[in-house]
Amino acid sequence: MKMTLSGDFCDFCNVRGKHPWTYKVKRFEMATIISDEGIEKHISGDWGACNICHDLIENNKWDDLINRVLDKQNIPHGPIRKEMFITIAELYETFRQHRVGTVTKDYGSRADEEKF
């Protein structure tokens, strides 16, 4: 079993660099992948966010957040983007349901320099 943990990227838009915001989340299964190597479960832990994604989350601009994610991944407008939008919306709803406590900021992070 593999665990997916926050690293040096935003867990929402995937922008590289230290993210200053951490959202505490009760663990939940995000995805199960079955391959020749066996079953791989991706489990959520705490989620890290860059400043832009944090602002969108805190202002309940979930559609804008999802469009940011899709734009950062260069997903063109069309049927695939619509399907991905729905899938990400469902994931973020699960994130909201499992979120606990308050968001915290790492004031030592250099993510404040993000210009995206």
N, C-alpha and C. Protein backbone atom coordinates (compact mmCIF):
# COMPACT_ATOMS: atom_id res chain seq x y z
N MET A 1 0.85 -1.18 0.00
CA MET A 1 0.00 0.00 0.00
C MET A 1 0.89 1.24 0.00
N LYS A 2 0.58 2.18 -0.87
CA LYS A 2 1.32 3.44 -0.97
C LYS A 2 0.53 4.54 -0.31
N MET A 3 1.21 5.44 0.36
CA MET A 3 0.53 6.61 0.93
C MET A 3 1.00 7.84 0.17
N THR A 4 0.07 8.70 -0.15
CA THR A 4 0.39 9.96 -0.81
C THR A 4 0.42 11.04 0.26
N LEU A 5 1.54 11.71 0.38
CA LEU A 5 1.69 12.75 1.39
C LEU A 5 2.04 14.07 0.74
N SER A 6 1.78 15.16 1.44
CA SER A 6 2.15 16.47 0.93
C SER A 6 3.66 16.54 0.77
N GLY A 7 4.12 17.24 -0.23
CA GLY A 7 5.54 17.39 -0.47
C GLY A 7 5.83 18.80 -0.91
N ASP A 8 6.77 18.94 -1.81
CA ASP A 8 7.17 20.26 -2.27
C ASP A 8 6.33 20.70 -3.47
N PHE A 9 5.03 20.60 -3.34
CA PHE A 9 4.10 21.04 -4.37
C PHE A 9 2.75 21.25 -3.71
N CYS A 10 1.93 22.05 -4.35
CA CYS A 10 0.57 22.28 -3.86
C CYS A 10 -0.26 21.04 -4.16
N ASP A 11 -0.96 20.51 -3.17
CA ASP A 11 -1.78 19.32 -3.37
C ASP A 11 -3.04 19.59 -4.19
N PHE A 12 -3.29 20.84 -4.50
CA PHE A 12 -4.45 21.19 -5.31
C PHE A 12 -4.03 21.43 -6.76
N CYS A 13 -3.20 22.43 -7.00
CA CYS A 13 -2.84 22.79 -8.39
C CYS A 13 -1.53 22.18 -8.85
N ASN A 14 -0.79 21.57 -7.95
CA ASN A 14 0.47 20.89 -8.27
C ASN A 14 1.62 21.83 -8.58
N VAL A 15 1.50 23.12 -8.25
CA VAL A 15 2.61 24.04 -8.45
C VAL A 15 3.75 23.63 -7.53
N ARG A 16 4.95 23.54 -8.09
CA ARG A 16 6.12 23.14 -7.30
C ARG A 16 6.56 24.26 -6.37
N GLY A 17 7.19 23.87 -5.29
CA GLY A 17 7.69 24.81 -4.30
C GLY A 17 7.03 24.53 -2.97
N LYS A 18 7.60 25.05 -1.94
CA LYS A 18 7.03 24.86 -0.60
C LYS A 18 5.68 25.56 -0.51
N HIS A 19 4.70 24.86 -0.01
CA HIS A 19 3.38 25.47 0.17
C HIS A 19 3.25 25.94 1.61
N PRO A 20 2.73 27.14 1.83
CA PRO A 20 2.68 27.67 3.18
C PRO A 20 1.47 27.23 4.01
N TRP A 21 0.45 26.65 3.39
CA TRP A 21 -0.78 26.34 4.10
C TRP A 21 -0.97 24.84 4.23
N THR A 22 -1.41 24.39 5.41
CA THR A 22 -1.68 22.97 5.64
C THR A 22 -3.09 22.81 6.17
N TYR A 23 -3.85 21.96 5.49
CA TYR A 23 -5.21 21.61 5.91
C TYR A 23 -5.19 20.23 6.54
N LYS A 24 -5.64 20.14 7.78
CA LYS A 24 -5.74 18.85 8.47
C LYS A 24 -6.95 18.11 7.93
N VAL A 25 -6.74 16.86 7.55
CA VAL A 25 -7.79 16.06 6.94
C VAL A 25 -7.74 14.66 7.53
N LYS A 26 -8.93 14.14 7.93
CA LYS A 26 -9.00 12.74 8.33
C LYS A 26 -8.68 11.90 7.11
N ARG A 27 -7.90 10.86 7.31
CA ARG A 27 -7.49 10.02 6.18
C ARG A 27 -8.68 9.40 5.46
N PHE A 28 -8.59 9.36 4.15
CA PHE A 28 -9.60 8.68 3.34
C PHE A 28 -8.94 8.14 2.09
N GLU A 29 -9.54 7.10 1.51
CA GLU A 29 -8.99 6.51 0.30
C GLU A 29 -9.36 7.38 -0.89
N MET A 30 -8.34 7.83 -1.61
CA MET A 30 -8.56 8.69 -2.77
C MET A 30 -8.70 7.90 -4.05
N ALA A 31 -7.92 6.82 -4.17
CA ALA A 31 -7.95 6.03 -5.40
C ALA A 31 -7.36 4.66 -5.14
N THR A 32 -7.84 3.68 -5.87
CA THR A 32 -7.27 2.35 -5.85
C THR A 32 -6.89 2.01 -7.28
N ILE A 33 -5.63 1.65 -7.45
CA ILE A 33 -5.13 1.30 -8.78
C ILE A 33 -4.72 -0.16 -8.76
N ILE A 34 -5.24 -0.93 -9.69
CA ILE A 34 -4.90 -2.34 -9.79
C ILE A 34 -4.01 -2.50 -11.01
N SER A 35 -2.82 -3.06 -10.79
CA SER A 35 -1.88 -3.27 -11.90
C SER A 35 -1.26 -4.65 -11.76
N ASP A 36 -0.33 -4.96 -12.65
CA ASP A 36 0.37 -6.24 -12.58
C ASP A 36 1.16 -6.39 -11.29
N GLU A 37 1.50 -5.26 -10.69
CA GLU A 37 2.28 -5.26 -9.46
C GLU A 37 1.41 -5.40 -8.21
N GLY A 38 0.12 -5.43 -8.37
CA GLY A 38 -0.79 -5.58 -7.24
C GLY A 38 -1.72 -4.40 -7.09
N ILE A 39 -2.26 -4.28 -5.90
CA ILE A 39 -3.21 -3.21 -5.61
C ILE A 39 -2.48 -2.08 -4.90
N GLU A 40 -2.68 -0.88 -5.39
CA GLU A 40 -2.08 0.30 -4.81
C GLU A 40 -3.19 1.21 -4.33
N LYS A 41 -3.20 1.52 -3.05
CA LYS A 41 -4.21 2.44 -2.52
C LYS A 41 -3.54 3.77 -2.22
N HIS A 42 -4.15 4.82 -2.69
CA HIS A 42 -3.65 6.16 -2.42
C HIS A 42 -4.52 6.76 -1.33
N ILE A 43 -3.89 7.02 -0.19
CA ILE A 43 -4.60 7.51 0.99
C ILE A 43 -4.24 8.97 1.21
N SER A 44 -5.26 9.77 1.49
CA SER A 44 -4.98 11.17 1.77
C SER A 44 -4.44 11.32 3.18
N GLY A 45 -3.69 12.34 3.37
CA GLY A 45 -3.27 12.79 4.69
C GLY A 45 -3.59 14.27 4.72
N ASP A 46 -2.79 15.03 5.41
CA ASP A 46 -2.98 16.48 5.38
C ASP A 46 -2.69 17.00 3.97
N TRP A 47 -3.37 18.06 3.59
CA TRP A 47 -3.22 18.64 2.26
C TRP A 47 -2.51 19.98 2.37
N GLY A 48 -1.54 20.21 1.50
CA GLY A 48 -0.83 21.48 1.46
C GLY A 48 -1.38 22.34 0.33
N ALA A 49 -1.37 23.64 0.53
CA ALA A 49 -1.90 24.55 -0.50
C ALA A 49 -0.99 25.76 -0.67
N CYS A 50 -0.86 26.19 -1.92
CA CYS A 50 -0.17 27.44 -2.22
C CYS A 50 -1.10 28.60 -1.82
N ASN A 51 -0.58 29.79 -1.89
CA ASN A 51 -1.38 30.97 -1.50
C ASN A 51 -2.63 31.14 -2.35
N ILE A 52 -2.50 30.94 -3.66
CA ILE A 52 -3.64 31.16 -4.54
C ILE A 52 -4.74 30.14 -4.26
N CYS A 53 -4.38 28.87 -4.17
CA CYS A 53 -5.39 27.84 -3.89
C CYS A 53 -6.01 28.04 -2.51
N HIS A 54 -5.19 28.41 -1.54
CA HIS A 54 -5.70 28.69 -0.20
C HIS A 54 -6.76 29.79 -0.24
N ASP A 55 -6.49 30.87 -0.97
CA ASP A 55 -7.46 31.98 -1.07
C ASP A 55 -8.76 31.49 -1.71
N LEU A 56 -8.65 30.67 -2.74
CA LEU A 56 -9.86 30.15 -3.40
C LEU A 56 -10.66 29.25 -2.44
N ILE A 57 -9.96 28.42 -1.69
CA ILE A 57 -10.62 27.52 -0.73
C ILE A 57 -11.33 28.33 0.35
N GLU A 58 -10.61 29.27 0.93
CA GLU A 58 -11.16 30.05 2.04
C GLU A 58 -12.33 30.93 1.61
N ASN A 59 -12.39 31.26 0.32
CA ASN A 59 -13.50 32.07 -0.20
C ASN A 59 -14.56 31.23 -0.90
N ASN A 60 -14.49 29.90 -0.69
CA ASN A 60 -15.46 28.95 -1.27
C ASN A 60 -15.61 29.11 -2.78
N LYS A 61 -14.52 29.34 -3.46
CA LYS A 61 -14.53 29.46 -4.92
C LYS A 61 -14.04 28.15 -5.53
N TRP A 62 -14.81 27.10 -5.29
CA TRP A 62 -14.40 25.75 -5.69
C TRP A 62 -14.34 25.59 -7.20
N ASP A 63 -15.26 26.19 -7.94
CA ASP A 63 -15.21 26.09 -9.39
C ASP A 63 -13.95 26.78 -9.93
N ASP A 64 -13.61 27.94 -9.35
CA ASP A 64 -12.39 28.63 -9.77
C ASP A 64 -11.16 27.79 -9.44
N LEU A 65 -11.17 27.14 -8.28
CA LEU A 65 -10.05 26.28 -7.90
C LEU A 65 -9.90 25.12 -8.90
N ILE A 66 -11.00 24.48 -9.23
CA ILE A 66 -10.94 23.36 -10.17
C ILE A 66 -10.45 23.84 -11.54
N ASN A 67 -10.93 24.97 -12.00
CA ASN A 67 -10.45 25.50 -13.28
C ASN A 67 -8.97 25.84 -13.22
N ARG A 68 -8.49 26.33 -12.08
CA ARG A 68 -7.04 26.58 -11.91
C ARG A 68 -6.27 25.27 -12.06
N VAL A 69 -6.75 24.23 -11.41
CA VAL A 69 -6.10 22.92 -11.49
C VAL A 69 -6.04 22.44 -12.94
N LEU A 70 -7.16 22.51 -13.62
CA LEU A 70 -7.22 22.05 -15.00
C LEU A 70 -6.35 22.91 -15.92
N ASP A 71 -6.32 24.21 -15.67
CA ASP A 71 -5.46 25.10 -16.46
C ASP A 71 -3.99 24.76 -16.23
N LYS A 72 -3.59 24.52 -14.98
CA LYS A 72 -2.20 24.20 -14.67
C LYS A 72 -1.78 22.89 -15.33
N GLN A 73 -2.73 22.01 -15.56
CA GLN A 73 -2.45 20.73 -16.22
C GLN A 73 -2.63 20.81 -17.73
N ASN A 74 -2.91 22.02 -18.22
CA ASN A 74 -3.10 22.27 -19.67
C ASN A 74 -4.19 21.37 -20.28
N ILE A 75 -5.29 21.20 -19.54
CA ILE A 75 -6.41 20.40 -20.04
C ILE A 75 -7.28 21.32 -20.91
N PRO A 76 -7.41 21.02 -22.20
CA PRO A 76 -8.21 21.89 -23.08
C PRO A 76 -9.70 21.78 -22.79
N HIS A 77 -10.43 22.82 -23.15
CA HIS A 77 -11.88 22.81 -22.98
C HIS A 77 -12.48 21.75 -23.89
N GLY A 78 -13.49 21.07 -23.40
CA GLY A 78 -14.13 20.01 -24.17
C GLY A 78 -14.63 18.91 -23.24
N PRO A 79 -15.02 17.78 -23.80
CA PRO A 79 -15.63 16.72 -23.00
C PRO A 79 -14.71 16.14 -21.93
N ILE A 80 -13.43 16.01 -22.24
CA ILE A 80 -12.51 15.44 -21.24
C ILE A 80 -12.39 16.38 -20.05
N ARG A 81 -12.29 17.68 -20.32
CA ARG A 81 -12.19 18.65 -19.24
C ARG A 81 -13.45 18.61 -18.38
N LYS A 82 -14.62 18.48 -19.00
CA LYS A 82 -15.88 18.42 -18.24
C LYS A 82 -15.89 17.20 -17.32
N GLU A 83 -15.44 16.07 -17.83
CA GLU A 83 -15.39 14.85 -17.00
C GLU A 83 -14.40 15.02 -15.85
N MET A 84 -13.25 15.59 -16.16
CA MET A 84 -12.24 15.81 -15.11
C MET A 84 -12.75 16.81 -14.07
N PHE A 85 -13.48 17.83 -14.52
CA PHE A 85 -14.05 18.82 -13.60
C PHE A 85 -14.95 18.11 -12.58
N ILE A 86 -15.81 17.22 -13.06
CA ILE A 86 -16.73 16.49 -12.18
C ILE A 86 -15.96 15.62 -11.21
N THR A 87 -14.95 14.92 -11.70
CA THR A 87 -14.16 14.03 -10.84
C THR A 87 -13.44 14.82 -9.75
N ILE A 88 -12.83 15.95 -10.12
CA ILE A 88 -12.13 16.77 -9.14
C ILE A 88 -13.12 17.37 -8.15
N ALA A 89 -14.28 17.79 -8.62
CA ALA A 89 -15.32 18.34 -7.73
C ALA A 89 -15.71 17.31 -6.67
N GLU A 90 -15.84 16.06 -7.08
CA GLU A 90 -16.18 14.99 -6.13
C GLU A 90 -15.06 14.78 -5.12
N LEU A 91 -13.81 14.82 -5.58
CA LEU A 91 -12.67 14.68 -4.68
C LEU A 91 -12.64 15.82 -3.67
N TYR A 92 -12.87 17.06 -4.14
CA TYR A 92 -12.84 18.20 -3.23
C TYR A 92 -14.01 18.19 -2.26
N GLU A 93 -15.14 17.62 -2.66
CA GLU A 93 -16.26 17.46 -1.71
C GLU A 93 -15.85 16.49 -0.61
N THR A 94 -15.17 15.41 -0.97
CA THR A 94 -14.68 14.46 0.03
C THR A 94 -13.65 15.14 0.93
N PHE A 95 -12.79 15.96 0.36
CA PHE A 95 -11.83 16.74 1.15
C PHE A 95 -12.57 17.60 2.18
N ARG A 96 -13.61 18.30 1.74
CA ARG A 96 -14.38 19.16 2.66
C ARG A 96 -15.02 18.35 3.78
N GLN A 97 -15.54 17.18 3.44
CA GLN A 97 -16.19 16.34 4.44
C GLN A 97 -15.20 15.80 5.47
N HIS A 98 -13.94 15.63 5.08
CA HIS A 98 -12.94 15.04 5.98
C HIS A 98 -12.02 16.07 6.62
N ARG A 99 -12.21 17.32 6.28
CA ARG A 99 -11.37 18.38 6.85
C ARG A 99 -11.69 18.55 8.33
N VAL A 100 -10.64 18.67 9.13
CA VAL A 100 -10.79 18.85 10.58
C VAL A 100 -9.89 20.01 11.04
N GLY A 101 -10.34 20.70 12.04
CA GLY A 101 -9.51 21.77 12.60
C GLY A 101 -9.40 22.96 11.67
N THR A 102 -8.44 23.81 12.00
CA THR A 102 -8.24 25.03 11.22
C THR A 102 -7.00 24.88 10.34
N VAL A 103 -6.95 25.65 9.29
CA VAL A 103 -5.79 25.66 8.40
C VAL A 103 -4.64 26.35 9.13
N THR A 104 -3.42 25.86 8.91
CA THR A 104 -2.26 26.47 9.54
C THR A 104 -1.31 26.97 8.46
N LYS A 105 -0.51 27.99 8.83
CA LYS A 105 0.45 28.57 7.88
C LYS A 105 1.86 28.37 8.40
N ASP A 106 2.74 27.97 7.48
CA ASP A 106 4.17 27.88 7.77
C ASP A 106 4.79 29.20 7.34
N TYR A 107 5.08 30.04 8.31
CA TYR A 107 5.59 31.37 7.98
C TYR A 107 7.02 31.35 7.45
N GLY A 108 7.69 30.19 7.52
CA GLY A 108 9.04 30.09 6.98
C GLY A 108 9.06 29.71 5.52
N SER A 109 7.89 29.49 4.94
CA SER A 109 7.82 29.05 3.55
C SER A 109 8.13 30.20 2.61
N ARG A 110 8.73 29.86 1.47
CA ARG A 110 9.03 30.86 0.45
C ARG A 110 7.95 30.86 -0.63
N ALA A 111 6.86 30.14 -0.41
CA ALA A 111 5.81 30.06 -1.42
C ALA A 111 5.12 31.41 -1.63
N ASP A 112 5.34 32.36 -0.72
CA ASP A 112 4.74 33.68 -0.90
C ASP A 112 5.25 34.35 -2.17
N GLU A 113 6.34 33.83 -2.74
CA GLU A 113 6.90 34.41 -3.95
C GLU A 113 6.21 33.93 -5.22
N GLU A 114 5.27 33.01 -5.08
CA GLU A 114 4.59 32.45 -6.25
C GLU A 114 3.95 33.56 -7.08
N LYS A 115 4.13 33.52 -8.37
CA LYS A 115 3.63 34.56 -9.25
C LYS A 115 2.61 34.03 -10.24
N PHE A 116 1.98 32.91 -9.95
CA PHE A 116 1.06 32.28 -10.91
C PHE A 116 -0.30 32.91 -10.87
